[in-house]
Amino acid sequence: MTIVEGIENKVEKLSLKELSEFRLWFAKYDANAWDAQIEADAGAGKLDDLAKEALAEYESGKAREI
């Protein structure tokens, strides 16, 4: 059994209250992991081309306020 399968097995056995608590914890965990990945990608320059493209569209008038 893989680690993921073990976690799945344990999650399936949670009570409704425990599952709700787990969902809240995991949503926060996942958001923090996503933020860390975005920061790492930005720091490594992986988003530079996207930023340049967005600025070019803005400067050419293709962008609109939302």
PDB file of N, CA and C in Angstrom:
ATOM      1  N   MET A   1       0.854  -1.176   0.000  1.00  0.00           N
ATOM      2  CA  MET A   1       0.000   0.000   0.000  1.00  0.00           C
ATOM      3  C   MET A   1       0.904   1.245   0.000  1.00  0.00           C
ATOM      4  N   THR A   2       0.596   2.177  -0.886  1.00  0.00           N
ATOM      5  CA  THR A   2       1.372   3.414  -0.939  1.00  0.00           C
ATOM      6  C   THR A   2       0.941   4.345   0.200  1.00  0.00           C
ATOM      7  N   ILE A   3       1.732   5.368   0.433  1.00  0.00           N
ATOM      8  CA  ILE A   3       1.383   6.356   1.455  1.00  0.00           C
ATOM      9  C   ILE A   3       0.047   7.009   1.115  1.00  0.00           C
ATOM     10  N   VAL A   4      -0.144   7.349  -0.161  1.00  0.00           N
ATOM     11  CA  VAL A   4      -1.394   7.997  -0.591  1.00  0.00           C
ATOM     12  C   VAL A   4      -2.580   7.068  -0.341  1.00  0.00           C
ATOM     13  N   GLU A   5      -2.433   5.817  -0.672  1.00  0.00           N
ATOM     14  CA  GLU A   5      -3.517   4.863  -0.427  1.00  0.00           C
ATOM     15  C   GLU A   5      -3.832   4.769   1.065  1.00  0.00           C
ATOM     16  N   GLY A   6      -2.803   4.798   1.885  1.00  0.00           N
ATOM     17  CA  GLY A   6      -3.012   4.767   3.335  1.00  0.00           C
ATOM     18  C   GLY A   6      -3.774   5.989   3.820  1.00  0.00           C
ATOM     19  N   ILE A   7      -3.423   7.154   3.280  1.00  0.00           N
ATOM     20  CA  ILE A   7      -4.119   8.391   3.647  1.00  0.00           C
ATOM     21  C   ILE A   7      -5.567   8.325   3.184  1.00  0.00           C
ATOM     22  N   GLU A   8      -5.774   7.872   1.949  1.00  0.00           N
ATOM     23  CA  GLU A   8      -7.146   7.732   1.434  1.00  0.00           C
ATOM     24  C   GLU A   8      -7.972   6.833   2.344  1.00  0.00           C
ATOM     25  N   ASN A   9      -7.395   5.734   2.757  1.00  0.00           N
ATOM     26  CA  ASN A   9      -8.073   4.779   3.627  1.00  0.00           C
ATOM     27  C   ASN A   9      -8.471   5.451   4.936  1.00  0.00           C
ATOM     28  N   LYS A  10      -7.552   6.220   5.519  1.00  0.00           N
ATOM     29  CA  LYS A  10      -7.851   6.887   6.788  1.00  0.00           C
ATOM     30  C   LYS A  10      -8.900   7.981   6.610  1.00  0.00           C
ATOM     31  N   VAL A  11      -8.826   8.728   5.503  1.00  0.00           N
ATOM     32  CA  VAL A  11      -9.806   9.789   5.252  1.00  0.00           C
ATOM     33  C   VAL A  11     -11.203   9.190   5.112  1.00  0.00           C
ATOM     34  N   GLU A  12     -11.303   8.061   4.448  1.00  0.00           N
ATOM     35  CA  GLU A  12     -12.598   7.400   4.278  1.00  0.00           C
ATOM     36  C   GLU A  12     -13.218   6.992   5.611  1.00  0.00           C
ATOM     37  N   LYS A  13     -12.402   6.816   6.640  1.00  0.00           N
ATOM     38  CA  LYS A  13     -12.899   6.384   7.948  1.00  0.00           C
ATOM     39  C   LYS A  13     -13.213   7.535   8.900  1.00  0.00           C
ATOM     40  N   LEU A  14     -12.978   8.784   8.447  1.00  0.00           N
ATOM     41  CA  LEU A  14     -13.246   9.933   9.314  1.00  0.00           C
ATOM     42  C   LEU A  14     -14.734  10.124   9.525  1.00  0.00           C
ATOM     43  N   SER A  15     -15.090  10.610  10.706  1.00  0.00           N
ATOM     44  CA  SER A  15     -16.481  10.987  10.958  1.00  0.00           C
ATOM     45  C   SER A  15     -16.770  12.263  10.163  1.00  0.00           C
ATOM     46  N   LEU A  16     -18.030  12.643  10.068  1.00  0.00           N
ATOM     47  CA  LEU A  16     -18.383  13.869   9.345  1.00  0.00           C
ATOM     48  C   LEU A  16     -17.703  15.088   9.946  1.00  0.00           C
ATOM     49  N   LYS A  17     -17.643  15.142  11.282  1.00  0.00           N
ATOM     50  CA  LYS A  17     -16.991  16.264  11.960  1.00  0.00           C
ATOM     51  C   LYS A  17     -15.497  16.275  11.650  1.00  0.00           C
ATOM     52  N   GLU A  18     -14.874  15.119  11.734  1.00  0.00           N
ATOM     53  CA  GLU A  18     -13.441  15.020  11.444  1.00  0.00           C
ATOM     54  C   GLU A  18     -13.156  15.366   9.977  1.00  0.00           C
ATOM     55  N   LEU A  19     -14.029  14.931   9.082  1.00  0.00           N
ATOM     56  CA  LEU A  19     -13.860  15.222   7.670  1.00  0.00           C
ATOM     57  C   LEU A  19     -13.955  16.726   7.412  1.00  0.00           C
ATOM     58  N   SER A  20     -14.887  17.370   8.081  1.00  0.00           N
ATOM     59  CA  SER A  20     -15.021  18.818   7.962  1.00  0.00           C
ATOM     60  C   SER A  20     -13.761  19.528   8.447  1.00  0.00           C
ATOM     61  N   GLU A  21     -13.241  19.100   9.582  1.00  0.00           N
ATOM     62  CA  GLU A  21     -12.005  19.677  10.123  1.00  0.00           C
ATOM     63  C   GLU A  21     -10.837  19.431   9.176  1.00  0.00           C
ATOM     64  N   PHE A  22     -10.772  18.237   8.600  1.00  0.00           N
ATOM     65  CA  PHE A  22      -9.705  17.905   7.666  1.00  0.00           C
ATOM     66  C   PHE A  22      -9.795  18.775   6.423  1.00  0.00           C
ATOM     67  N   ARG A  23     -11.012  18.969   5.907  1.00  0.00           N
ATOM     68  CA  ARG A  23     -11.187  19.812   4.718  1.00  0.00           C
ATOM     69  C   ARG A  23     -10.662  21.220   4.970  1.00  0.00           C
ATOM     70  N   LEU A  24     -11.005  21.784   6.119  1.00  0.00           N
ATOM     71  CA  LEU A  24     -10.530  23.127   6.455  1.00  0.00           C
ATOM     72  C   LEU A  24      -9.013  23.164   6.534  1.00  0.00           C
ATOM     73  N   TRP A  25      -8.437  22.180   7.218  1.00  0.00           N
ATOM     74  CA  TRP A  25      -6.980  22.123   7.336  1.00  0.00           C
ATOM     75  C   TRP A  25      -6.342  21.983   5.961  1.00  0.00           C
ATOM     76  N   PHE A  26      -6.864  21.069   5.133  1.00  0.00           N
ATOM     77  CA  PHE A  26      -6.248  20.821   3.845  1.00  0.00           C
ATOM     78  C   PHE A  26      -6.386  22.017   2.913  1.00  0.00           C
ATOM     79  N   ALA A  27      -7.507  22.714   2.962  1.00  0.00           N
ATOM     80  CA  ALA A  27      -7.681  23.906   2.125  1.00  0.00           C
ATOM     81  C   ALA A  27      -6.615  24.944   2.460  1.00  0.00           C
ATOM     82  N   LYS A  28      -6.359  25.143   3.748  1.00  0.00           N
ATOM     83  CA  LYS A  28      -5.315  26.093   4.165  1.00  0.00           C
ATOM     84  C   LYS A  28      -3.939  25.591   3.750  1.00  0.00           C
ATOM     85  N   TYR A  29      -3.683  24.323   3.952  1.00  0.00           N
ATOM     86  CA  TYR A  29      -2.405  23.729   3.587  1.00  0.00           C
ATOM     87  C   TYR A  29      -2.159  23.867   2.087  1.00  0.00           C
ATOM     88  N   ASP A  30      -3.171  23.542   1.300  1.00  0.00           N
ATOM     89  CA  ASP A  30      -3.050  23.592  -0.144  1.00  0.00           C
ATOM     90  C   ASP A  30      -2.842  25.026  -0.632  1.00  0.00           C
ATOM     91  N   ALA A  31      -3.560  25.983  -0.045  1.00  0.00           N
ATOM     92  CA  ALA A  31      -3.394  27.388  -0.418  1.00  0.00           C
ATOM     93  C   ALA A  31      -1.980  27.870  -0.109  1.00  0.00           C
ATOM     94  N   ASN A  32      -1.464  27.492   1.043  1.00  0.00           N
ATOM     95  CA  ASN A  32      -0.095  27.879   1.405  1.00  0.00           C
ATOM     96  C   ASN A  32       0.928  27.251   0.469  1.00  0.00           C
ATOM     97  N   ALA A  33       0.712  26.000   0.097  1.00  0.00           N
ATOM     98  CA  ALA A  33       1.620  25.328  -0.826  1.00  0.00           C
ATOM     99  C   ALA A  33       1.585  26.009  -2.196  1.00  0.00           C
ATOM    100  N   TRP A  34       0.397  26.391  -2.642  1.00  0.00           N
ATOM    101  CA  TRP A  34       0.242  27.088  -3.924  1.00  0.00           C
ATOM    102  C   TRP A  34       0.954  28.439  -3.880  1.00  0.00           C
ATOM    103  N   ASP A  35       0.747  29.183  -2.799  1.00  0.00           N
ATOM    104  CA  ASP A  35       1.419  30.477  -2.642  1.00  0.00           C
ATOM    105  C   ASP A  35       2.940  30.322  -2.681  1.00  0.00           C
ATOM    106  N   ALA A  36       3.448  29.316  -1.990  1.00  0.00           N
ATOM    107  CA  ALA A  36       4.895  29.077  -1.972  1.00  0.00           C
ATOM    108  C   ALA A  36       5.408  28.742  -3.367  1.00  0.00           C
ATOM    109  N   GLN A  37       4.643  27.962  -4.130  1.00  0.00           N
ATOM    110  CA  GLN A  37       5.052  27.603  -5.490  1.00  0.00           C
ATOM    111  C   GLN A  37       5.059  28.833  -6.394  1.00  0.00           C
ATOM    112  N   ILE A  38       4.039  29.679  -6.281  1.00  0.00           N
ATOM    113  CA  ILE A  38       3.976  30.907  -7.086  1.00  0.00           C
ATOM    114  C   ILE A  38       5.161  31.806  -6.747  1.00  0.00           C
ATOM    115  N   GLU A  39       5.448  31.963  -5.459  1.00  0.00           N
ATOM    116  CA  GLU A  39       6.587  32.795  -5.044  1.00  0.00           C
ATOM    117  C   GLU A  39       7.897  32.233  -5.583  1.00  0.00           C
ATOM    118  N   ALA A  40       8.056  30.919  -5.515  1.00  0.00           N
ATOM    119  CA  ALA A  40       9.279  30.293  -6.026  1.00  0.00           C
ATOM    120  C   ALA A  40       9.388  30.483  -7.537  1.00  0.00           C
ATOM    121  N   ASP A  41       8.287  30.292  -8.243  1.00  0.00           N
ATOM    122  CA  ASP A  41       8.294  30.470  -9.695  1.00  0.00           C
ATOM    123  C   ASP A  41       8.588  31.921 -10.066  1.00  0.00           C
ATOM    124  N   ALA A  42       7.991  32.863  -9.341  1.00  0.00           N
ATOM    125  CA  ALA A  42       8.240  34.283  -9.611  1.00  0.00           C
ATOM    126  C   ALA A  42       9.700  34.621  -9.337  1.00  0.00           C
ATOM    127  N   GLY A  43      10.234  34.130  -8.239  1.00  0.00           N
ATOM    128  CA  GLY A  43      11.626  34.381  -7.891  1.00  0.00           C
ATOM    129  C   GLY A  43      12.604  33.799  -8.892  1.00  0.00           C
ATOM    130  N   ALA A  44      12.196  32.707  -9.530  1.00  0.00           N
ATOM    131  CA  ALA A  44      13.049  32.045 -10.517  1.00  0.00           C
ATOM    132  C   ALA A  44      12.864  32.628 -11.917  1.00  0.00           C
ATOM    133  N   GLY A  45      11.967  33.610 -12.045  1.00  0.00           N
ATOM    134  CA  GLY A  45      11.748  34.246 -13.340  1.00  0.00           C
ATOM    135  C   GLY A  45      10.804  33.505 -14.261  1.00  0.00           C
ATOM    136  N   LYS A  46      10.146  32.471 -13.753  1.00  0.00           N
ATOM    137  CA  LYS A  46       9.263  31.663 -14.597  1.00  0.00           C
ATOM    138  C   LYS A  46       8.001  32.408 -15.027  1.00  0.00           C
ATOM    139  N   LEU A  47       7.685  33.519 -14.355  1.00  0.00           N
ATOM    140  CA  LEU A  47       6.475  34.274 -14.698  1.00  0.00           C
ATOM    141  C   LEU A  47       6.791  35.549 -15.473  1.00  0.00           C
ATOM    142  N   ASP A  48       8.059  35.782 -15.746  1.00  0.00           N
ATOM    143  CA  ASP A  48       8.471  37.015 -16.411  1.00  0.00           C
ATOM    144  C   ASP A  48       7.805  37.195 -17.769  1.00  0.00           C
ATOM    145  N   ASP A  49       7.767  36.142 -18.570  1.00  0.00           N
ATOM    146  CA  ASP A  49       7.161  36.254 -19.906  1.00  0.00           C
ATOM    147  C   ASP A  49       5.675  36.566 -19.809  1.00  0.00           C
ATOM    148  N   LEU A  50       4.991  35.964 -18.849  1.00  0.00           N
ATOM    149  CA  LEU A  50       3.561  36.253 -18.664  1.00  0.00           C
ATOM    150  C   LEU A  50       3.347  37.704 -18.242  1.00  0.00           C
ATOM    151  N   ALA A  51       4.208  38.192 -17.359  1.00  0.00           N
ATOM    152  CA  ALA A  51       4.098  39.580 -16.907  1.00  0.00           C
ATOM    153  C   ALA A  51       4.353  40.543 -18.063  1.00  0.00           C
ATOM    154  N   LYS A  52       5.368  40.262 -18.880  1.00  0.00           N
ATOM    155  CA  LYS A  52       5.664  41.117 -20.033  1.00  0.00           C
ATOM    156  C   LYS A  52       4.494  41.135 -21.011  1.00  0.00           C
ATOM    157  N   GLU A  53       3.891  39.968 -21.235  1.00  0.00           N
ATOM    158  CA  GLU A  53       2.742  39.869 -22.134  1.00  0.00           C
ATOM    159  C   GLU A  53       1.561  40.676 -21.596  1.00  0.00           C
ATOM    160  N   ALA A  54       1.313  40.565 -20.305  1.00  0.00           N
ATOM    161  CA  ALA A  54       0.200  41.300 -19.691  1.00  0.00           C
ATOM    162  C   ALA A  54       0.440  42.802 -19.768  1.00  0.00           C
ATOM    163  N   LEU A  55       1.660  43.241 -19.503  1.00  0.00           N
ATOM    164  CA  LEU A  55       1.977  44.668 -19.588  1.00  0.00           C
ATOM    165  C   LEU A  55       1.856  45.178 -21.016  1.00  0.00           C
ATOM    166  N   ALA A  56       2.283  44.383 -21.968  1.00  0.00           N
ATOM    167  CA  ALA A  56       2.173  44.779 -23.371  1.00  0.00           C
ATOM    168  C   ALA A  56       0.712  44.930 -23.776  1.00  0.00           C
ATOM    169  N   GLU A  57      -0.129  44.013 -23.356  1.00  0.00           N
ATOM    170  CA  GLU A  57      -1.554  44.100 -23.659  1.00  0.00           C
ATOM    171  C   GLU A  57      -2.173  45.323 -22.993  1.00  0.00           C
ATOM    172  N   TYR A  58      -1.783  45.586 -21.764  1.00  0.00           N
ATOM    173  CA  TYR A  58      -2.294  46.759 -21.054  1.00  0.00           C
ATOM    174  C   TYR A  58      -1.876  48.043 -21.778  1.00  0.00           C
ATOM    175  N   GLU A  59      -0.599  48.132 -22.111  1.00  0.00           N
ATOM    176  CA  GLU A  59      -0.075  49.328 -22.760  1.00  0.00           C
ATOM    177  C   GLU A  59      -0.642  49.545 -24.158  1.00  0.00           C
ATOM    178  N   SER A  60      -1.039  48.471 -24.832  1.00  0.00           N
ATOM    179  CA  SER A  60      -1.609  48.604 -26.163  1.00  0.00           C
ATOM    180  C   SER A  60      -3.113  48.846 -26.145  1.00  0.00           C
ATOM    181  N   GLY A  61      -3.678  48.881 -24.943  1.00  0.00           N
ATOM    182  CA  GLY A  61      -5.112  49.150 -24.800  1.00  0.00           C
ATOM    183  C   GLY A  61      -5.992  47.927 -24.903  1.00  0.00           C
ATOM    184  N   LYS A  62      -5.401  46.743 -24.953  1.00  0.00           N
ATOM    185  CA  LYS A  62      -6.201  45.507 -25.057  1.00  0.00           C
ATOM    186  C   LYS A  62      -6.826  45.099 -23.731  1.00  0.00           C
ATOM    187  N   ALA A  63      -6.297  45.626 -22.644  1.00  0.00           N
ATOM    188  CA  ALA A  63      -6.816  45.266 -21.323  1.00  0.00           C
ATOM    189  C   ALA A  63      -8.002  46.165 -20.974  1.00  0.00           C
ATOM    190  N   ARG A  64      -8.873  45.660 -20.137  1.00  0.00           N
ATOM    191  CA  ARG A  64     -10.003  46.467 -19.681  1.00  0.00           C
ATOM    192  C   ARG A  64     -10.166  46.288 -18.179  1.00  0.00           C
ATOM    193  N   GLU A  65     -10.724  47.293 -17.551  1.00  0.00           N
ATOM    194  CA  GLU A  65     -10.958  47.209 -16.113  1.00  0.00           C
ATOM    195  C   GLU A  65     -12.050  46.212 -15.812  1.00  0.00           C
ATOM    196  N   ILE A  66     -11.887  45.525 -14.689  1.00  0.00           N
ATOM    197  CA  ILE A  66     -12.937  44.596 -14.267  1.00  0.00           C
ATOM    198  C   ILE A  66     -13.497  45.034 -12.946  1.00  0.00           C
TER     199      ILE A  66
END
